[in-house]
Amino acid sequence: MTTGVKDPLGRTAIGVSVTYAEKTPSGWQGKQEIFFDPESYAYLGQTRDDGEIVSARAAWGVVSRPGARP
């Protein structure tokens, strides 16, 4: 775990790194970094070792029924 890093969108985050030395069943190999908000620990996104953004969460919300948008 590393504190004070930047997530894919440039926000301050906590970074957790995982390195897969061998290929996973999905074909992934190498380092992956997963980012969390330092106050709420909410998921912010993740990158691969080549710096490619795998995902980034810009916003989220709670709704009262399936299919509704916040």
PDB file of N, CA and C in Angstrom:
ATOM      1  N   MET A   1       0.846  -1.174   0.000  1.00  0.00           N
ATOM      2  CA  MET A   1       0.000   0.000   0.000  1.00  0.00           C
ATOM      3  C   MET A   1       0.894   1.240   0.000  1.00  0.00           C
ATOM      4  N   THR A   2       0.521   2.211  -0.833  1.00  0.00           N
ATOM      5  CA  THR A   2       1.258   3.462  -0.921  1.00  0.00           C
ATOM      6  C   THR A   2       0.269   4.613  -0.796  1.00  0.00           C
ATOM      7  N   THR A   3       0.552   5.573   0.091  1.00  0.00           N
ATOM      8  CA  THR A   3      -0.314   6.740   0.236  1.00  0.00           C
ATOM      9  C   THR A   3       0.245   7.899  -0.566  1.00  0.00           C
ATOM     10  N   GLY A   4      -0.620   8.870  -0.891  1.00  0.00           N
ATOM     11  CA  GLY A   4      -0.185  10.090  -1.573  1.00  0.00           C
ATOM     12  C   GLY A   4       0.102   9.925  -3.050  1.00  0.00           C
ATOM     13  N   VAL A   5      -0.380   8.861  -3.677  1.00  0.00           N
ATOM     14  CA  VAL A   5      -0.195   8.692  -5.118  1.00  0.00           C
ATOM     15  C   VAL A   5      -1.359   9.343  -5.852  1.00  0.00           C
ATOM     16  N   LYS A   6      -1.297   9.426  -7.160  1.00  0.00           N
ATOM     17  CA  LYS A   6      -2.368   9.989  -7.975  1.00  0.00           C
ATOM     18  C   LYS A   6      -3.082   8.863  -8.712  1.00  0.00           C
ATOM     19  N   ASP A   7      -4.407   8.944  -8.760  1.00  0.00           N
ATOM     20  CA  ASP A   7      -5.200   7.956  -9.492  1.00  0.00           C
ATOM     21  C   ASP A   7      -5.217   8.320 -10.981  1.00  0.00           C
ATOM     22  N   PRO A   8      -5.890   7.532 -11.839  1.00  0.00           N
ATOM     23  CA  PRO A   8      -5.893   7.831 -13.279  1.00  0.00           C
ATOM     24  C   PRO A   8      -6.442   9.207 -13.651  1.00  0.00           C
ATOM     25  N   LEU A   9      -7.248   9.804 -12.770  1.00  0.00           N
ATOM     26  CA  LEU A   9      -7.806  11.128 -13.052  1.00  0.00           C
ATOM     27  C   LEU A   9      -7.070  12.240 -12.315  1.00  0.00           C
ATOM     28  N   GLY A  10      -5.932  11.925 -11.673  1.00  0.00           N
ATOM     29  CA  GLY A  10      -5.103  12.925 -11.014  1.00  0.00           C
ATOM     30  C   GLY A  10      -5.469  13.246  -9.580  1.00  0.00           C
ATOM     31  N   ARG A  11      -6.380  12.483  -8.987  1.00  0.00           N
ATOM     32  CA  ARG A  11      -6.776  12.726  -7.593  1.00  0.00           C
ATOM     33  C   ARG A  11      -5.808  12.030  -6.642  1.00  0.00           C
ATOM     34  N   THR A  12      -5.611  12.604  -5.458  1.00  0.00           N
ATOM     35  CA  THR A  12      -4.791  11.963  -4.435  1.00  0.00           C
ATOM     36  C   THR A  12      -5.476  10.673  -4.011  1.00  0.00           C
ATOM     37  N   ALA A  13      -4.687   9.599  -3.889  1.00  0.00           N
ATOM     38  CA  ALA A  13      -5.269   8.293  -3.612  1.00  0.00           C
ATOM     39  C   ALA A  13      -4.327   7.416  -2.807  1.00  0.00           C
ATOM     40  N   ILE A  14      -4.858   6.290  -2.359  1.00  0.00           N
ATOM     41  CA  ILE A  14      -4.072   5.202  -1.798  1.00  0.00           C
ATOM     42  C   ILE A  14      -3.916   4.193  -2.932  1.00  0.00           C
ATOM     43  N   GLY A  15      -2.698   3.754  -3.172  1.00  0.00           N
ATOM     44  CA  GLY A  15      -2.457   2.785  -4.234  1.00  0.00           C
ATOM     45  C   GLY A  15      -2.081   1.422  -3.670  1.00  0.00           C
ATOM     46  N   VAL A  16      -2.674   0.379  -4.229  1.00  0.00           N
ATOM     47  CA  VAL A  16      -2.351  -0.992  -3.857  1.00  0.00           C
ATOM     48  C   VAL A  16      -1.865  -1.682  -5.127  1.00  0.00           C
ATOM     49  N   SER A  17      -0.638  -2.210  -5.090  1.00  0.00           N
ATOM     50  CA  SER A  17      -0.046  -2.850  -6.263  1.00  0.00           C
ATOM     51  C   SER A  17      -0.095  -4.365  -6.147  1.00  0.00           C
ATOM     52  N   VAL A  18      -0.375  -4.996  -7.273  1.00  0.00           N
ATOM     53  CA  VAL A  18      -0.361  -6.449  -7.385  1.00  0.00           C
ATOM     54  C   VAL A  18       0.476  -6.780  -8.611  1.00  0.00           C
ATOM     55  N   THR A  19       1.416  -7.711  -8.469  1.00  0.00           N
ATOM     56  CA  THR A  19       2.229  -8.131  -9.610  1.00  0.00           C
ATOM     57  C   THR A  19       1.981  -9.601  -9.887  1.00  0.00           C
ATOM     58  N   TYR A  20       1.586  -9.900 -11.114  1.00  0.00           N
ATOM     59  CA  TYR A  20       1.344 -11.275 -11.548  1.00  0.00           C
ATOM     60  C   TYR A  20       2.548 -11.727 -12.363  1.00  0.00           C
ATOM     61  N   ALA A  21       3.397 -12.562 -11.768  1.00  0.00           N
ATOM     62  CA  ALA A  21       4.606 -13.042 -12.450  1.00  0.00           C
ATOM     63  C   ALA A  21       4.248 -13.996 -13.584  1.00  0.00           C
ATOM     64  N   GLU A  22       3.211 -14.777 -13.397  1.00  0.00           N
ATOM     65  CA  GLU A  22       2.746 -15.726 -14.417  1.00  0.00           C
ATOM     66  C   GLU A  22       1.412 -15.231 -14.961  1.00  0.00           C
ATOM     67  N   LYS A  23       1.075 -15.621 -16.163  1.00  0.00           N
ATOM     68  CA  LYS A  23      -0.196 -15.216 -16.744  1.00  0.00           C
ATOM     69  C   LYS A  23      -1.364 -15.779 -15.941  1.00  0.00           C
ATOM     70  N   THR A  24      -2.365 -14.922 -15.729  1.00  0.00           N
ATOM     71  CA  THR A  24      -3.591 -15.356 -15.058  1.00  0.00           C
ATOM     72  C   THR A  24      -4.472 -16.074 -16.088  1.00  0.00           C
ATOM     73  N   PRO A  25      -5.538 -16.754 -15.650  1.00  0.00           N
ATOM     74  CA  PRO A  25      -6.434 -17.397 -16.609  1.00  0.00           C
ATOM     75  C   PRO A  25      -6.999 -16.436 -17.663  1.00  0.00           C
ATOM     76  N   SER A  26      -7.130 -15.156 -17.313  1.00  0.00           N
ATOM     77  CA  SER A  26      -7.637 -14.176 -18.284  1.00  0.00           C
ATOM     78  C   SER A  26      -6.540 -13.642 -19.204  1.00  0.00           C
ATOM     79  N   GLY A  27      -5.289 -14.079 -18.981  1.00  0.00           N
ATOM     80  CA  GLY A  27      -4.189 -13.654 -19.846  1.00  0.00           C
ATOM     81  C   GLY A  27      -3.390 -12.480 -19.332  1.00  0.00           C
ATOM     82  N   TRP A  28      -3.735 -11.964 -18.139  1.00  0.00           N
ATOM     83  CA  TRP A  28      -3.043 -10.813 -17.597  1.00  0.00           C
ATOM     84  C   TRP A  28      -1.720 -11.225 -16.967  1.00  0.00           C
ATOM     85  N   GLN A  29      -0.672 -10.424 -17.194  1.00  0.00           N
ATOM     86  CA  GLN A  29       0.621 -10.633 -16.551  1.00  0.00           C
ATOM     87  C   GLN A  29       1.266  -9.272 -16.335  1.00  0.00           C
ATOM     88  N   GLY A  30       1.931  -9.086 -15.199  1.00  0.00           N
ATOM     89  CA  GLY A  30       2.594  -7.822 -14.907  1.00  0.00           C
ATOM     90  C   GLY A  30       1.997  -7.143 -13.692  1.00  0.00           C
ATOM     91  N   LYS A  31       2.301  -5.861 -13.543  1.00  0.00           N
ATOM     92  CA  LYS A  31       1.870  -5.084 -12.371  1.00  0.00           C
ATOM     93  C   LYS A  31       0.542  -4.383 -12.654  1.00  0.00           C
ATOM     94  N   GLN A  32      -0.307  -4.384 -11.641  1.00  0.00           N
ATOM     95  CA  GLN A  32      -1.573  -3.677 -11.688  1.00  0.00           C
ATOM     96  C   GLN A  32      -1.662  -2.833 -10.421  1.00  0.00           C
ATOM     97  N   GLU A  33      -2.081  -1.576 -10.542  1.00  0.00           N
ATOM     98  CA  GLU A  33      -2.234  -0.722  -9.366  1.00  0.00           C
ATOM     99  C   GLU A  33      -3.699  -0.326  -9.242  1.00  0.00           C
ATOM    100  N   ILE A  34      -4.256  -0.539  -8.052  1.00  0.00           N
ATOM    101  CA  ILE A  34      -5.650  -0.244  -7.761  1.00  0.00           C
ATOM    102  C   ILE A  34      -5.672   0.947  -6.808  1.00  0.00           C
ATOM    103  N   PHE A  35      -6.554   1.929  -7.074  1.00  0.00           N
ATOM    104  CA  PHE A  35      -6.581   3.176  -6.316  1.00  0.00           C
ATOM    105  C   PHE A  35      -7.858   3.322  -5.512  1.00  0.00           C
ATOM    106  N   PHE A  36      -7.695   3.853  -4.267  1.00  0.00           N
ATOM    107  CA  PHE A  36      -8.816   4.075  -3.369  1.00  0.00           C
ATOM    108  C   PHE A  36      -8.760   5.487  -2.807  1.00  0.00           C
ATOM    109  N   ASP A  37      -9.928   6.064  -2.525  1.00  0.00           N
ATOM    110  CA  ASP A  37     -10.009   7.379  -1.907  1.00  0.00           C
ATOM    111  C   ASP A  37      -9.412   7.287  -0.500  1.00  0.00           C
ATOM    112  N   PRO A  38      -8.516   8.219  -0.111  1.00  0.00           N
ATOM    113  CA  PRO A  38      -7.855   8.135   1.194  1.00  0.00           C
ATOM    114  C   PRO A  38      -8.776   8.388   2.393  1.00  0.00           C
ATOM    115  N   GLU A  39      -9.951   8.965   2.189  1.00  0.00           N
ATOM    116  CA  GLU A  39     -10.866   9.214   3.309  1.00  0.00           C
ATOM    117  C   GLU A  39     -11.985   8.186   3.392  1.00  0.00           C
ATOM    118  N   SER A  40     -12.603   7.851   2.253  1.00  0.00           N
ATOM    119  CA  SER A  40     -13.748   6.934   2.273  1.00  0.00           C
ATOM    120  C   SER A  40     -13.370   5.511   1.871  1.00  0.00           C
ATOM    121  N   TYR A  41     -12.186   5.344   1.318  1.00  0.00           N
ATOM    122  CA  TYR A  41     -11.703   4.068   0.789  1.00  0.00           C
ATOM    123  C   TYR A  41     -12.532   3.574  -0.395  1.00  0.00           C
ATOM    124  N   ALA A  42     -13.273   4.466  -1.031  1.00  0.00           N
ATOM    125  CA  ALA A  42     -14.041   4.118  -2.224  1.00  0.00           C
ATOM    126  C   ALA A  42     -13.088   3.820  -3.373  1.00  0.00           C
ATOM    127  N   TYR A  43     -13.466   2.872  -4.212  1.00  0.00           N
ATOM    128  CA  TYR A  43     -12.679   2.513  -5.396  1.00  0.00           C
ATOM    129  C   TYR A  43     -12.642   3.692  -6.367  1.00  0.00           C
ATOM    130  N   LEU A  44     -11.437   4.053  -6.853  1.00  0.00           N
ATOM    131  CA  LEU A  44     -11.286   5.162  -7.798  1.00  0.00           C
ATOM    132  C   LEU A  44     -10.888   4.704  -9.195  1.00  0.00           C
ATOM    133  N   GLY A  45     -10.177   3.587  -9.292  1.00  0.00           N
ATOM    134  CA  GLY A  45      -9.752   3.120 -10.607  1.00  0.00           C
ATOM    135  C   GLY A  45      -8.535   2.228 -10.515  1.00  0.00           C
ATOM    136  N   GLN A  46      -8.006   1.858 -11.697  1.00  0.00           N
ATOM    137  CA  GLN A  46      -6.812   1.029 -11.726  1.00  0.00           C
ATOM    138  C   GLN A  46      -6.042   1.217 -13.027  1.00  0.00           C
ATOM    139  N   THR A  47      -4.747   0.965 -12.973  1.00  0.00           N
ATOM    140  CA  THR A  47      -3.877   1.053 -14.142  1.00  0.00           C
ATOM    141  C   THR A  47      -3.029  -0.211 -14.256  1.00  0.00           C
ATOM    142  N   ARG A  48      -2.468  -0.414 -15.439  1.00  0.00           N
ATOM    143  CA  ARG A  48      -1.534  -1.516 -15.655  1.00  0.00           C
ATOM    144  C   ARG A  48      -0.122  -0.974 -15.588  1.00  0.00           C
ATOM    145  N   ASP A  49       0.871  -1.876 -15.593  1.00  0.00           N
ATOM    146  CA  ASP A  49       2.266  -1.462 -15.454  1.00  0.00           C
ATOM    147  C   ASP A  49       2.759  -0.590 -16.594  1.00  0.00           C
ATOM    148  N   ASP A  50       2.095  -0.634 -17.738  1.00  0.00           N
ATOM    149  CA  ASP A  50       2.495   0.222 -18.851  1.00  0.00           C
ATOM    150  C   ASP A  50       1.846   1.604 -18.769  1.00  0.00           C
ATOM    151  N   GLY A  51       1.119   1.874 -17.650  1.00  0.00           N
ATOM    152  CA  GLY A  51       0.471   3.163 -17.453  1.00  0.00           C
ATOM    153  C   GLY A  51      -0.904   3.269 -18.077  1.00  0.00           C
ATOM    154  N   GLU A  52      -1.326   2.220 -18.789  1.00  0.00           N
ATOM    155  CA  GLU A  52      -2.642   2.240 -19.417  1.00  0.00           C
ATOM    156  C   GLU A  52      -3.734   2.204 -18.350  1.00  0.00           C
ATOM    157  N   ILE A  53      -4.735   3.058 -18.527  1.00  0.00           N
ATOM    158  CA  ILE A  53      -5.861   3.093 -17.595  1.00  0.00           C
ATOM    159  C   ILE A  53      -6.775   1.920 -17.893  1.00  0.00           C
ATOM    160  N   VAL A  54      -7.005   1.096 -16.887  1.00  0.00           N
ATOM    161  CA  VAL A  54      -7.931  -0.022 -17.029  1.00  0.00           C
ATOM    162  C   VAL A  54      -9.343   0.468 -16.737  1.00  0.00           C
ATOM    163  N   SER A  55      -9.490   1.263 -15.682  1.00  0.00           N
ATOM    164  CA  SER A  55     -10.777   1.871 -15.359  1.00  0.00           C
ATOM    165  C   SER A  55     -10.564   3.080 -14.457  1.00  0.00           C
ATOM    166  N   ALA A  56     -11.526   4.000 -14.482  1.00  0.00           N
ATOM    167  CA  ALA A  56     -11.494   5.170 -13.604  1.00  0.00           C
ATOM    168  C   ALA A  56     -12.932   5.546 -13.284  1.00  0.00           C
ATOM    169  N   ARG A  57     -13.236   5.705 -12.005  1.00  0.00           N
ATOM    170  CA  ARG A  57     -14.584   6.076 -11.579  1.00  0.00           C
ATOM    171  C   ARG A  57     -14.578   7.568 -11.273  1.00  0.00           C
ATOM    172  N   ALA A  58     -15.301   8.325 -12.073  1.00  0.00           N
ATOM    173  CA  ALA A  58     -15.375   9.767 -11.875  1.00  0.00           C
ATOM    174  C   ALA A  58     -16.463  10.137 -10.871  1.00  0.00           C
ATOM    175  N   ALA A  59     -17.532   9.338 -10.809  1.00  0.00           N
ATOM    176  CA  ALA A  59     -18.640   9.623  -9.898  1.00  0.00           C
ATOM    177  C   ALA A  59     -19.436   8.352  -9.666  1.00  0.00           C
ATOM    178  N   TRP A  60     -20.222   8.360  -8.606  1.00  0.00           N
ATOM    179  CA  TRP A  60     -21.130   7.253  -8.340  1.00  0.00           C
ATOM    180  C   TRP A  60     -22.302   7.786  -7.533  1.00  0.00           C
ATOM    181  N   GLY A  61     -23.368   7.025  -7.470  1.00  0.00           N
ATOM    182  CA  GLY A  61     -24.538   7.471  -6.744  1.00  0.00           C
ATOM    183  C   GLY A  61     -25.420   6.298  -6.354  1.00  0.00           C
ATOM    184  N   VAL A  62     -26.415   6.573  -5.555  1.00  0.00           N
ATOM    185  CA  VAL A  62     -27.356   5.573  -5.080  1.00  0.00           C
ATOM    186  C   VAL A  62     -28.726   5.893  -5.670  1.00  0.00           C
ATOM    187  N   VAL A  63     -29.421   4.860  -6.141  1.00  0.00           N
ATOM    188  CA  VAL A  63     -30.749   5.045  -6.717  1.00  0.00           C
ATOM    189  C   VAL A  63     -31.756   4.168  -5.974  1.00  0.00           C
ATOM    190  N   SER A  64     -33.024   4.410  -6.201  1.00  0.00           N
ATOM    191  CA  SER A  64     -34.065   3.674  -5.471  1.00  0.00           C
ATOM    192  C   SER A  64     -34.654   2.509  -6.253  1.00  0.00           C
ATOM    193  N   ARG A  65     -34.275   2.361  -7.545  1.00  0.00           N
ATOM    194  CA  ARG A  65     -34.810   1.243  -8.325  1.00  0.00           C
ATOM    195  C   ARG A  65     -33.834   0.873  -9.445  1.00  0.00           C
ATOM    196  N   PRO A  66     -33.862  -0.366  -9.896  1.00  0.00           N
ATOM    197  CA  PRO A  66     -32.969  -0.796 -10.985  1.00  0.00           C
ATOM    198  C   PRO A  66     -33.183   0.048 -12.238  1.00  0.00           C
ATOM    199  N   GLY A  67     -32.112   0.412 -12.888  1.00  0.00           N
ATOM    200  CA  GLY A  67     -32.175   1.171 -14.119  1.00  0.00           C
ATOM    201  C   GLY A  67     -32.237   2.680 -13.936  1.00  0.00           C
ATOM    202  N   ALA A  68     -32.489   3.147 -12.723  1.00  0.00           N
ATOM    203  CA  ALA A  68     -32.531   4.592 -12.471  1.00  0.00           C
ATOM    204  C   ALA A  68     -31.108   5.142 -12.481  1.00  0.00           C
ATOM    205  N   ARG A  69     -30.976   6.394 -12.856  1.00  0.00           N
ATOM    206  CA  ARG A  69     -29.660   7.046 -12.861  1.00  0.00           C
ATOM    207  C   ARG A  69     -29.612   8.116 -11.787  1.00  0.00           C
ATOM    208  N   PRO A  70     -28.470   8.238 -11.111  1.00  0.00           N
ATOM    209  CA  PRO A  70     -28.373   9.269 -10.058  1.00  0.00           C
ATOM    210  C   PRO A  70     -28.320  10.669 -10.641  1.00  0.00           C
TER     211      PRO A  70
END
